[in-house]
Amino acid sequence: MTTEQSYQVAPAAKTAAEPYAYDIPGAVTASGQSRSGLYAAIKSGALTARKRGHRTLILTTDLVAWLESLPRLETRPAA
């Protein structure tokens, strides 16, 4: 066996699984947006939320889609 054959590549480190949905406090933490900002986006229809009993849930895909739909910051080139 050669030296190259004796070394095995370690498998990629496992990361924590991304949640399928967030409650409001979790969505605030994950998105960096305020609680009132999330509720305003839900009320306007820009962000889809779901209810499970008394809990409001936001699917990760809906949260990401909403964040990606926000307008880009337009900057001016440095003079």
Protein backbone atom coordinates (compact mmCIF):
# COMPACT_ATOMS: atom_id res chain seq x y z
CA MET A 1 0.00 0.00 0.00
CA THR A 2 1.38 3.40 -0.95
CA THR A 3 1.38 6.37 1.35
CA GLU A 4 -1.37 8.04 -0.69
CA GLN A 5 -3.59 4.97 -0.35
CA SER A 6 -3.17 4.77 3.41
CA TYR A 7 -4.63 8.25 3.98
CA GLN A 8 -8.38 8.46 3.82
CA VAL A 9 -10.23 11.66 3.23
CA ALA A 10 -12.42 12.42 6.20
CA PRO A 11 -16.10 12.86 5.33
CA ALA A 12 -17.41 16.40 5.47
CA ALA A 13 -18.41 17.44 8.95
CA LYS A 14 -22.14 17.17 9.52
CA THR A 15 -23.92 20.40 10.15
CA ALA A 16 -27.12 20.86 12.07
CA ALA A 17 -30.15 20.34 9.88
CA GLU A 18 -31.89 23.53 8.86
CA PRO A 19 -35.38 23.72 10.34
CA TYR A 20 -38.34 23.22 8.01
CA ALA A 21 -40.25 26.07 9.69
CA TYR A 22 -39.69 28.79 12.27
CA ASP A 23 -41.95 30.21 14.93
CA ILE A 24 -41.86 34.02 15.14
CA PRO A 25 -38.94 34.24 17.62
CA GLY A 26 -36.98 31.77 15.50
CA ALA A 27 -37.74 33.72 12.31
CA VAL A 28 -36.58 36.92 14.00
CA THR A 29 -33.28 35.27 14.92
CA ALA A 30 -32.79 33.57 11.56
CA SER A 31 -33.63 36.61 9.45
CA GLY A 32 -32.27 39.45 11.55
CA GLN A 33 -35.58 41.26 11.08
CA SER A 34 -37.73 42.66 13.86
CA ARG A 35 -40.84 40.95 15.19
CA SER A 36 -43.01 43.87 14.10
CA GLY A 37 -41.37 43.85 10.67
CA LEU A 38 -42.23 40.18 10.20
CA TYR A 39 -45.84 40.74 11.30
CA ALA A 40 -46.10 43.72 8.91
CA ALA A 41 -44.84 41.56 6.02
CA ILE A 42 -47.34 38.83 6.95
CA LYS A 43 -50.19 41.35 7.17
CA SER A 44 -49.32 42.85 3.77
CA GLY A 45 -49.20 39.39 2.17
CA ALA A 46 -45.52 39.66 1.27
CA LEU A 47 -44.59 36.87 3.71
CA THR A 48 -46.66 33.71 3.97
CA ALA A 49 -47.32 32.36 7.46
CA ARG A 50 -49.20 29.32 8.66
CA LYS A 51 -51.02 28.54 11.89
CA ARG A 52 -50.75 25.40 14.03
CA GLY A 53 -53.00 25.92 16.99
CA HIS A 54 -51.90 29.21 18.52
CA ARG A 55 -48.44 29.12 16.94
CA THR A 56 -47.60 31.14 13.86
CA LEU A 57 -45.13 29.29 11.66
CA ILE A 58 -43.10 30.49 8.71
CA LEU A 59 -41.62 27.91 6.36
CA THR A 60 -37.89 28.35 5.81
CA THR A 61 -38.46 28.50 2.05
CA ASP A 62 -41.04 31.29 2.49
CA LEU A 63 -38.72 33.26 4.77
CA VAL A 64 -35.81 32.96 2.34
CA ALA A 65 -38.00 33.88 -0.65
CA TRP A 66 -39.28 36.97 1.18
CA LEU A 67 -35.78 38.08 2.15
CA GLU A 68 -34.55 37.56 -1.41
CA SER A 69 -37.49 39.62 -2.75
CA LEU A 70 -36.46 42.68 -0.74
CA PRO A 71 -34.98 45.45 -2.90
CA ARG A 72 -31.24 45.53 -3.34
CA LEU A 73 -29.32 48.42 -1.85
CA GLU A 74 -28.24 50.77 -4.62
CA THR A 75 -24.87 52.32 -3.96
CA ARG A 76 -23.03 55.04 -5.77
CA PRO A 77 -19.50 54.42 -7.00
CA ALA A 78 -16.81 56.09 -4.96
CA ALA A 79 -15.70 59.38 -6.51
